[in-house]
N, C-alpha and C. Protein backbone atom coordinates (compact mmCIF):
# COMPACT_ATOMS: atom_id res chain seq x y z
N MET A 1 0.76 -0.89 0.12
CA MET A 1 -0.20 0.27 -0.32
C MET A 1 1.01 1.06 0.32
N PRO A 2 0.62 2.04 -0.91
CA PRO A 2 1.50 3.40 -0.95
C PRO A 2 1.66 4.30 0.61
N LYS A 3 2.59 4.65 1.09
CA LYS A 3 2.48 5.58 1.93
C LYS A 3 1.77 6.83 1.91
N GLY A 4 0.62 7.02 2.65
CA GLY A 4 -0.04 8.08 3.09
C GLY A 4 -1.86 7.71 2.66
N THR A 5 -1.79 6.27 1.92
CA THR A 5 -3.09 5.63 1.32
C THR A 5 -3.86 4.77 2.43
N THR A 6 -5.25 5.37 2.64
CA THR A 6 -5.98 4.93 4.21
C THR A 6 -6.09 3.39 3.29
N LEU A 7 -6.62 2.37 4.03
CA LEU A 7 -7.06 1.32 4.09
C LEU A 7 -8.41 1.01 2.79
N GLN A 8 -8.89 2.35 3.31
CA GLN A 8 -10.58 2.59 2.49
C GLN A 8 -9.90 2.84 0.86
N GLU A 9 -8.71 3.68 0.90
CA GLU A 9 -8.46 4.36 -0.56
C GLU A 9 -7.65 3.03 -1.01
N TYR A 10 -7.33 2.35 -0.78
CA TYR A 10 -6.49 1.21 -0.99
C TYR A 10 -7.66 0.54 -1.58
N THR A 11 -8.78 -0.08 -1.34
CA THR A 11 -9.45 -0.83 -1.49
C THR A 11 -10.34 -0.38 -2.40
N GLU A 12 -10.61 0.98 -2.71
CA GLU A 12 -11.46 1.14 -3.56
C GLU A 12 -10.46 1.15 -5.25
N GLN A 13 -9.24 1.41 -4.89
CA GLN A 13 -8.30 1.43 -6.29
C GLN A 13 -8.61 0.33 -6.64
N TYR A 14 -8.41 -0.90 -5.52
CA TYR A 14 -8.35 -2.47 -5.99
C TYR A 14 -9.41 -2.87 -6.59
N PHE A 15 -10.53 -2.55 -6.14
CA PHE A 15 -11.87 -2.16 -6.93
C PHE A 15 -12.14 -1.74 -8.29
N ILE A 16 -11.51 -0.51 -8.33
CA ILE A 16 -11.72 -0.20 -9.62
C ILE A 16 -10.51 -1.00 -10.81
N GLN A 17 -9.78 -1.37 -10.32
CA GLN A 17 -8.68 -2.45 -11.28
C GLN A 17 -9.13 -3.37 -11.30
N HIS A 18 -10.03 -4.17 -10.20
CA HIS A 18 -10.67 -5.76 -10.18
C HIS A 18 -12.14 -5.23 -9.90
N PRO A 19 -12.94 -4.91 -10.72
CA PRO A 19 -14.22 -4.82 -10.81
C PRO A 19 -15.09 -6.00 -10.90
N GLU A 20 -14.38 -7.03 -11.58
CA GLU A 20 -15.10 -8.63 -11.46
C GLU A 20 -15.18 -9.38 -10.01
N GLU A 21 -14.78 -8.69 -8.88
CA GLU A 21 -14.42 -9.01 -7.83
C GLU A 21 -15.28 -8.78 -6.68
N ILE A 22 -16.24 -7.58 -6.97
CA ILE A 22 -17.17 -6.88 -6.44
C ILE A 22 -18.31 -7.94 -5.93
N GLU A 23 -18.49 -8.49 -6.72
CA GLU A 23 -19.61 -9.31 -6.24
C GLU A 23 -19.49 -10.29 -5.46
N ASP A 24 -18.29 -10.97 -5.35
CA ASP A 24 -17.98 -12.15 -4.45
C ASP A 24 -17.71 -10.90 -2.97
N PHE A 25 -17.18 -9.70 -2.91
CA PHE A 25 -16.91 -9.19 -2.06
C PHE A 25 -18.13 -8.62 -1.49
N LEU A 26 -19.71 -8.32 -2.31
CA LEU A 26 -20.41 -8.42 -1.42
C LEU A 26 -20.91 -9.41 -0.89
N LYS A 27 -21.26 -10.35 -1.36
CA LYS A 27 -21.64 -11.77 -0.82
C LYS A 27 -20.88 -11.88 0.72
N GLU A 28 -19.44 -11.54 0.46
CA GLU A 28 -18.96 -12.09 1.82
C GLU A 28 -19.05 -11.10 2.95
N SER A 29 -19.27 -10.15 2.32
CA SER A 29 -19.85 -8.85 3.43
C SER A 29 -21.14 -9.37 4.14
N PHE A 30 -22.30 -9.70 3.05
CA PHE A 30 -23.33 -9.62 3.60
C PHE A 30 -23.44 -10.88 4.45
N GLU A 31 -22.04 -12.02 4.15
CA GLU A 31 -22.27 -13.38 5.02
C GLU A 31 -21.54 -13.24 6.82
N GLU A 32 -20.69 -12.24 6.19
CA GLU A 32 -20.33 -11.96 7.77
C GLU A 32 -21.38 -11.02 8.44
N TYR A 33 -22.26 -10.36 7.86
CA TYR A 33 -23.12 -9.53 8.42
C TYR A 33 -23.79 -10.38 8.87
N ALA A 34 -24.40 -11.48 8.63
CA ALA A 34 -25.35 -12.46 8.71
C ALA A 34 -25.50 -13.02 10.03
N LYS A 35 -23.75 -13.05 10.21
CA LYS A 35 -23.15 -14.01 11.25
C LYS A 35 -22.48 -12.88 12.42
N ASP A 36 -22.01 -12.00 12.41
CA ASP A 36 -21.87 -10.62 13.44
C ASP A 36 -23.22 -9.81 13.74
N GLY A 37 -23.84 -9.25 13.06
CA GLY A 37 -24.80 -8.38 12.99
C GLY A 37 -23.94 -6.45 13.16
N ASN A 38 -22.82 -6.86 12.48
CA ASN A 38 -22.08 -5.25 12.56
C ASN A 38 -22.35 -4.15 11.27
N SER A 39 -23.46 -3.91 11.45
CA SER A 39 -23.95 -3.05 10.52
C SER A 39 -22.85 -1.35 10.06
N ALA A 40 -22.21 -1.29 10.88
CA ALA A 40 -21.42 -0.37 10.57
C ALA A 40 -20.26 -1.01 9.60
N ALA A 41 -19.92 -2.44 10.23
CA ALA A 41 -18.68 -2.56 9.17
C ALA A 41 -19.51 -3.29 7.65
N LEU A 42 -20.72 -3.55 7.32
CA LEU A 42 -21.36 -3.43 6.59
C LEU A 42 -21.52 -2.34 5.18
N LEU A 43 -21.97 -1.48 6.21
CA LEU A 43 -21.72 -0.36 5.54
C LEU A 43 -20.95 0.33 5.09
N SER A 44 -20.03 0.28 5.55
CA SER A 44 -18.78 0.60 5.62
C SER A 44 -18.17 -0.06 3.95
N GLN A 45 -18.54 -1.31 4.04
CA GLN A 45 -18.38 -2.13 2.57
C GLN A 45 -19.22 -1.44 1.17
N LEU A 46 -20.42 -1.61 1.80
CA LEU A 46 -20.89 -0.84 0.77
C LEU A 46 -20.60 0.21 0.17
N ARG A 47 -20.20 1.66 1.16
CA ARG A 47 -19.45 2.58 1.05
C ARG A 47 -18.29 2.70 0.25
N VAL A 48 -17.31 1.42 0.23
CA VAL A 48 -16.15 1.13 -0.60
C VAL A 48 -17.55 1.15 -2.36
N ILE A 49 -18.21 0.26 -2.33
CA ILE A 49 -18.11 -0.04 -3.69
C ILE A 49 -19.55 1.02 -4.39
N ALA A 50 -19.99 1.61 -3.60
CA ALA A 50 -20.66 2.99 -4.01
C ALA A 50 -19.52 4.08 -4.72
N ARG A 51 -18.81 4.37 -3.53
CA ARG A 51 -17.43 5.30 -4.57
C ARG A 51 -16.57 4.64 -5.67
N VAL A 52 -16.43 3.27 -5.75
CA VAL A 52 -16.05 2.57 -6.68
C VAL A 52 -16.90 2.87 -8.05
N LYS A 53 -18.39 2.56 -8.02
CA LYS A 53 -19.28 3.15 -8.91
C LYS A 53 -19.66 3.98 -9.22
N GLY A 54 -19.45 5.42 -8.34
CA GLY A 54 -19.89 6.46 -8.01
C GLY A 54 -20.62 6.77 -7.60
N VAL A 55 -20.51 7.75 -6.31
CA VAL A 55 -21.76 8.15 -5.30
C VAL A 55 -22.61 9.12 -6.02
N SER A 56 -22.38 10.04 -6.95
CA SER A 56 -23.07 10.60 -7.39
C SER A 56 -24.68 10.26 -8.12
N ALA A 57 -23.70 9.01 -9.16
CA ALA A 57 -24.88 8.38 -9.96
C ALA A 57 -25.61 7.99 -9.01
N ILE A 58 -25.09 7.02 -8.27
CA ILE A 58 -25.93 6.16 -7.51
C ILE A 58 -27.36 6.69 -6.44
N ALA A 59 -26.38 8.11 -6.02
CA ALA A 59 -27.47 8.86 -5.23
C ALA A 59 -28.53 9.20 -6.35
N LEU A 60 -28.19 9.92 -7.78
CA LEU A 60 -29.57 10.68 -8.43
C LEU A 60 -30.29 9.19 -9.02
N GLU A 61 -29.90 8.20 -8.90
CA GLU A 61 -30.64 6.93 -9.39
C GLU A 61 -31.67 6.52 -8.44
N VAL A 62 -31.05 6.50 -6.81
CA VAL A 62 -31.65 6.52 -5.97
C VAL A 62 -32.57 7.24 -5.08
N GLY A 63 -32.50 8.61 -5.60
CA GLY A 63 -33.07 9.81 -5.18
C GLY A 63 -32.82 10.17 -4.01
N LEU A 64 -31.68 9.79 -3.84
CA LEU A 64 -30.73 10.57 -2.48
C LEU A 64 -30.06 11.79 -3.08
N THR A 65 -29.52 12.21 -2.15
CA THR A 65 -28.55 13.67 -2.50
C THR A 65 -27.34 12.57 -2.46
N ARG A 66 -26.17 13.01 -2.79
CA ARG A 66 -25.14 12.88 -2.48
C ARG A 66 -24.42 12.72 -1.01
N GLN A 67 -24.84 13.76 -0.37
CA GLN A 67 -24.38 14.02 1.10
C GLN A 67 -25.42 12.53 1.74
N GLY A 68 -26.99 13.05 1.33
CA GLY A 68 -27.69 11.41 1.80
C GLY A 68 -27.37 9.77 1.80
N LEU A 69 -26.58 10.09 0.60
CA LEU A 69 -26.63 8.47 0.22
C LEU A 69 -25.03 8.41 1.74
N GLN A 70 -24.17 9.56 1.47
CA GLN A 70 -23.06 9.41 1.98
C GLN A 70 -23.21 9.00 3.78
N LYS A 71 -24.12 9.42 3.95
CA LYS A 71 -24.88 9.63 5.56
C LYS A 71 -25.53 8.16 5.64
N ALA A 72 -26.20 7.74 4.73
CA ALA A 72 -26.65 6.23 4.89
C ALA A 72 -26.20 5.25 4.95
N LEU A 73 -24.81 5.45 4.06
CA LEU A 73 -23.59 4.34 4.53
C LEU A 73 -22.66 5.00 5.47
N SER A 74 -22.55 5.43 6.24
CA SER A 74 -22.03 5.99 7.32
C SER A 74 -21.55 5.18 8.30
N VAL A 75 -20.60 5.19 9.65
CA VAL A 75 -20.94 4.48 10.63
C VAL A 75 -21.90 4.62 11.42
N LYS A 76 -21.95 5.74 11.59
CA LYS A 76 -23.36 6.13 12.26
C LYS A 76 -25.09 6.21 11.38
N GLY A 77 -24.63 5.44 10.16
CA GLY A 77 -25.97 5.97 9.23
C GLY A 77 -26.78 4.37 9.58
N ASN A 78 -28.27 4.96 9.48
CA ASN A 78 -28.95 3.70 9.72
C ASN A 78 -30.43 3.94 8.75
N PRO A 79 -30.10 3.15 7.75
CA PRO A 79 -30.50 3.38 6.49
C PRO A 79 -31.75 2.33 6.48
N ARG A 80 -32.67 3.29 5.90
CA ARG A 80 -34.16 2.06 5.61
C ARG A 80 -33.95 1.06 4.68
N LEU A 81 -34.56 -0.13 5.08
CA LEU A 81 -34.25 -1.17 4.12
C LEU A 81 -34.31 -1.38 2.95
N ASP A 82 -35.60 -0.23 2.33
CA ASP A 82 -36.04 0.14 0.58
C ASP A 82 -34.98 1.10 0.74
N ASN A 83 -33.90 1.60 1.52
CA ASN A 83 -32.62 2.35 0.76
C ASN A 83 -31.57 1.63 0.45
N ILE A 84 -31.62 0.94 1.22
CA ILE A 84 -30.30 -0.48 1.13
C ILE A 84 -30.94 -1.18 -0.33
N ASN A 85 -32.27 -1.96 -0.47
CA ASN A 85 -32.43 -2.33 -1.59
C ASN A 85 -32.61 -1.22 -2.92
N SER A 86 -32.42 -0.37 -2.97
CA SER A 86 -32.26 0.77 -3.96
C SER A 86 -30.87 1.32 -4.33
N ILE A 87 -30.20 1.05 -3.01
CA ILE A 87 -28.36 1.35 -3.41
C ILE A 87 -28.12 0.39 -4.09
N MET A 88 -28.35 -0.84 -3.52
CA MET A 88 -28.12 -2.41 -4.58
C MET A 88 -28.52 -2.54 -5.27
N THR A 89 -29.63 -1.96 -6.31
CA THR A 89 -30.12 -1.96 -6.92
C THR A 89 -29.63 -1.08 -8.04
N ALA A 90 -29.13 0.10 -7.60
CA ALA A 90 -27.96 1.34 -8.55
C ALA A 90 -27.12 0.51 -8.65
N MET A 91 -26.10 0.08 -7.93
CA MET A 91 -24.70 -0.81 -7.95
C MET A 91 -24.89 -1.87 -8.76
N GLY A 92 -26.30 -2.52 -9.66
CA GLY A 92 -26.34 -3.56 -9.92
C GLY A 92 -26.81 -4.87 -9.43
N TYR A 93 -27.44 -4.85 -8.05
CA TYR A 93 -27.07 -6.14 -7.49
C TYR A 93 -28.59 -6.32 -6.89
N HIS A 94 -29.00 -7.11 -6.31
CA HIS A 94 -29.95 -7.27 -5.33
C HIS A 94 -29.93 -8.20 -4.24
N LEU A 95 -30.92 -7.82 -3.55
CA LEU A 95 -31.12 -8.50 -2.14
C LEU A 95 -31.28 -9.81 -2.60
N MET A 96 -31.22 -11.02 -1.96
CA MET A 96 -31.77 -12.13 -2.40
C MET A 96 -31.69 -12.69 -1.12
N PRO A 97 -32.60 -13.44 -0.25
CA PRO A 97 -32.92 -14.04 0.89
C PRO A 97 -32.11 -15.44 0.29
N GLN A 98 -31.41 -16.08 1.41
CA GLN A 98 -31.03 -17.42 1.28
C GLN A 98 -30.96 -18.41 2.60
N ARG A 99 -31.38 -19.57 2.58
CA ARG A 99 -32.23 -20.56 3.37
C ARG A 99 -30.67 -21.21 4.16
N ILE A 100 -31.00 -20.65 5.16
CA ILE A 100 -29.74 -21.24 6.25
C ILE A 100 -30.56 -22.64 7.24
N ASP A 101 -29.31 -23.61 7.64
CA ASP A 101 -29.72 -24.21 8.52
C ASP A 101 -29.70 -23.92 9.70
N LEU A 102 -31.05 -23.63 10.33
CA LEU A 102 -31.12 -23.39 11.52
C LEU A 102 -30.54 -24.17 12.67
N HIS A 103 -30.43 -25.73 12.18
CA HIS A 103 -29.78 -26.36 13.01
C HIS A 103 -28.39 -26.52 13.53
N VAL A 104 -27.54 -26.00 12.47
CA VAL A 104 -26.52 -25.67 12.27
C VAL A 104 -25.61 -24.39 12.98
N ARG A 105 -25.08 -24.07 13.88
CA ARG A 105 -24.91 -23.06 14.41
C ARG A 105 -23.87 -23.09 15.17
């Protein structure tokens, strides 16, 4: 990582150069969230991908201001489910339930 570059900036640059890996990153992010319930981490990871895909363009498509989108995806953000769904759709993905075995934990 170049000196003076934050981990978030490095991650953004990585996904700009490797967009084919975004889908796996998002899947892993949601899997981790399902395990630990850490919404701040999930929102941070979504914020990285939103920056890669273009915050202004996503905000416009979702019907939020750029600042509103950034606030929704901030560590203290508490976006509604419909906002998350709209943001995911604007990034080219959708939320989809996956069956889990409740007896394995």
